[in-house]
Amino acid sequence: MSSACAARLPATSRSSATGESLGYSPDMTGRTRHQAGHETHHLVDGGDLACGELLMRLVSQMSALPTGDVVRLIATDPAAPLDIPAWCHLTGHRYLGPGRESDGRAHYDLEVCARPTATRPGQPWRRADPTPPPEGTTSP
């Protein structure tokens, strides 16, 4: 986790009372600490949403979180292993890596960055202010 990050979320962001099914252990503050070293997680269950809908759900959840919080996204979309790291690269959020839930579904851990690159409303896979094409070229 980056030194500028101080990941903290209330216990209510876990999916179960103890969080143990997700590899969490509660601390005395009611927060969770992921045993792999990431401090806390906010769970976003994308289920079987296609990547566009999945990203819209992810953006709506992450926009309210402070810098450094870790989001665990559960997604079964076959494009997610490529799309989630690419979206992190686009926006500046830190991709921490994939894993598997106890039920076999894939999850992806992301760290909220301080100043993410804005994306278009309803199209989180596109920058809000695309870089203009170089002089002498035309855009499609």
Protein backbone atom coordinates (compact mmCIF):
# COMPACT_ATOMS: atom_id res chain seq x y z
CA MET A 1 0.00 0.00 0.00
CA SER A 2 1.34 3.43 -0.84
CA SER A 3 2.63 5.61 1.98
CA ALA A 4 0.01 8.29 1.22
CA CYS A 5 -2.77 5.81 1.87
CA ALA A 6 -4.48 5.20 5.17
CA ALA A 7 -7.13 2.60 4.38
CA ARG A 8 -10.02 2.65 6.83
CA LEU A 9 -13.63 1.48 6.49
CA PRO A 10 -16.30 0.68 9.06
CA ALA A 11 -17.10 -2.95 9.77
CA THR A 12 -20.44 -2.57 7.99
CA SER A 13 -18.63 -2.70 4.64
CA ARG A 14 -17.90 -6.40 5.10
CA SER A 15 -20.22 -9.00 3.63
CA SER A 16 -20.53 -11.05 6.81
CA ALA A 17 -20.45 -10.35 10.53
CA THR A 18 -16.90 -11.62 10.97
CA GLY A 19 -15.64 -11.28 7.41
CA GLU A 20 -13.74 -14.52 7.80
CA SER A 21 -15.14 -16.01 4.59
CA LEU A 22 -13.28 -13.25 2.75
CA GLY A 23 -9.99 -13.73 4.60
CA TYR A 24 -10.53 -10.81 6.97
CA SER A 25 -9.90 -10.59 10.67
CA PRO A 26 -11.69 -7.87 12.66
CA ASP A 27 -9.53 -5.55 14.77
CA MET A 28 -10.53 -3.77 17.98
CA THR A 29 -11.84 -0.73 16.11
CA GLY A 30 -14.46 -2.72 14.22
CA ARG A 31 -12.45 -2.43 11.00
CA THR A 32 -11.06 -5.33 9.10
CA ARG A 33 -7.55 -6.19 8.10
CA HIS A 34 -6.97 -8.46 5.14
CA GLN A 35 -4.53 -11.16 6.08
CA ALA A 36 -2.59 -10.73 2.83
CA GLY A 37 -1.36 -7.33 4.04
CA HIS A 38 -3.95 -4.92 2.61
CA GLU A 39 -5.56 -3.03 5.45
CA THR A 40 -9.28 -2.91 4.68
CA HIS A 41 -11.72 -3.86 1.99
CA HIS A 42 -15.01 -2.57 0.75
CA LEU A 43 -16.82 -5.36 -1.05
CA VAL A 44 -18.47 -4.72 -4.44
CA ASP A 45 -20.23 -7.82 -5.72
CA GLY A 46 -20.57 -7.41 -9.47
CA GLY A 47 -22.01 -10.89 -9.87
CA ASP A 48 -22.46 -11.73 -13.53
CA LEU A 49 -22.69 -8.13 -14.79
CA ALA A 50 -21.04 -7.42 -18.13
CA CYS A 51 -17.99 -5.20 -17.90
CA GLY A 52 -19.73 -1.90 -18.79
CA GLU A 53 -22.34 -2.33 -16.06
CA LEU A 54 -19.68 -3.70 -13.73
CA LEU A 55 -17.54 -0.58 -14.16
CA MET A 56 -20.53 1.71 -13.59
CA ARG A 57 -21.29 -0.07 -10.30
CA LEU A 58 -17.61 0.06 -9.32
CA VAL A 59 -17.33 3.80 -10.09
CA SER A 60 -20.44 4.61 -8.05
CA GLN A 61 -19.04 2.71 -5.04
CA MET A 62 -15.46 3.99 -5.31
CA SER A 63 -16.39 7.65 -5.77
CA ALA A 64 -17.49 7.89 -2.13
CA LEU A 65 -14.38 6.24 -0.67
CA PRO A 66 -11.33 8.01 0.72
CA THR A 67 -7.86 7.68 -0.75
CA GLY A 68 -6.16 4.42 0.17
CA ASP A 69 -9.26 2.36 0.81
CA VAL A 70 -9.13 -1.05 -0.80
CA VAL A 71 -12.05 -2.30 -2.85
CA ARG A 72 -12.57 -5.98 -3.47
CA LEU A 73 -14.59 -6.43 -6.65
CA ILE A 74 -16.18 -9.83 -7.26
CA ALA A 75 -16.83 -10.41 -10.94
CA THR A 76 -17.54 -13.40 -13.14
CA ASP A 77 -17.37 -11.58 -16.49
CA PRO A 78 -14.72 -13.37 -18.58
CA ALA A 79 -13.34 -9.99 -19.71
CA ALA A 80 -12.77 -8.76 -16.14
CA PRO A 81 -9.16 -10.07 -15.85
CA LEU A 82 -8.22 -7.72 -18.69
CA ASP A 83 -10.73 -4.91 -18.24
CA ILE A 84 -10.24 -4.22 -14.51
CA PRO A 85 -6.44 -3.70 -14.67
CA ALA A 86 -6.90 -1.62 -17.86
CA TRP A 87 -9.53 0.55 -16.14
CA CYS A 88 -7.18 1.07 -13.19
CA HIS A 89 -4.45 2.13 -15.59
CA LEU A 90 -6.88 4.55 -17.27
CA THR A 91 -8.12 6.13 -14.04
CA GLY A 92 -5.03 5.96 -11.84
CA HIS A 93 -6.49 3.64 -9.22
CA ARG A 94 -3.97 1.02 -8.13
CA TYR A 95 -4.62 -2.56 -9.22
CA LEU A 96 -3.53 -4.86 -6.39
CA GLY A 97 -4.28 -8.15 -8.11
CA PRO A 98 -6.74 -11.00 -8.56
CA GLY A 99 -7.79 -13.86 -6.33
CA ARG A 100 -10.62 -16.32 -5.71
CA GLU A 101 -13.45 -16.31 -3.23
CA SER A 102 -14.19 -19.48 -1.27
CA ASP A 103 -17.06 -20.18 -3.69
CA GLY A 104 -14.66 -20.06 -6.66
CA ARG A 105 -15.67 -16.66 -8.05
CA ALA A 106 -12.86 -14.35 -9.10
CA HIS A 107 -12.14 -11.16 -7.19
CA TYR A 108 -9.96 -8.16 -7.95
CA ASP A 109 -8.47 -5.84 -5.33
CA LEU A 110 -8.09 -2.12 -6.12
CA GLU A 111 -6.76 0.78 -4.08
CA VAL A 112 -8.54 4.13 -4.35
CA CYS A 113 -6.16 6.84 -5.60
CA ALA A 114 -6.13 10.45 -4.46
CA ARG A 115 -6.95 12.08 -7.80
CA PRO A 116 -8.44 9.60 -10.26
CA THR A 117 -8.71 10.59 -13.89
CA ALA A 118 -12.31 11.58 -14.57
CA THR A 119 -14.34 9.37 -16.88
CA ARG A 120 -17.45 10.10 -18.89
CA PRO A 121 -20.79 9.74 -17.08
CA GLY A 122 -22.29 6.40 -18.08
CA GLN A 123 -19.07 5.43 -19.88
CA PRO A 124 -16.42 4.84 -17.20
CA TRP A 125 -14.17 3.19 -19.77
CA ARG A 126 -13.65 6.56 -21.54
CA ARG A 127 -11.76 9.61 -20.24
CA ALA A 128 -13.93 12.65 -19.56
CA ASP A 129 -11.48 14.94 -21.31
CA PRO A 130 -9.78 12.92 -24.03
CA THR A 131 -6.38 14.05 -25.11
CA PRO A 132 -6.75 16.04 -28.32
CA PRO A 133 -5.20 14.45 -31.41
CA PRO A 134 -1.80 15.78 -32.48
CA GLU A 135 -1.83 18.79 -34.79
CA GLY A 136 -2.43 17.93 -38.40
CA THR A 137 -4.50 14.82 -37.65
CA THR A 138 -8.24 14.37 -37.48
CA SER A 139 -10.21 12.47 -34.90
CA PRO A 140 -12.72 9.81 -35.97
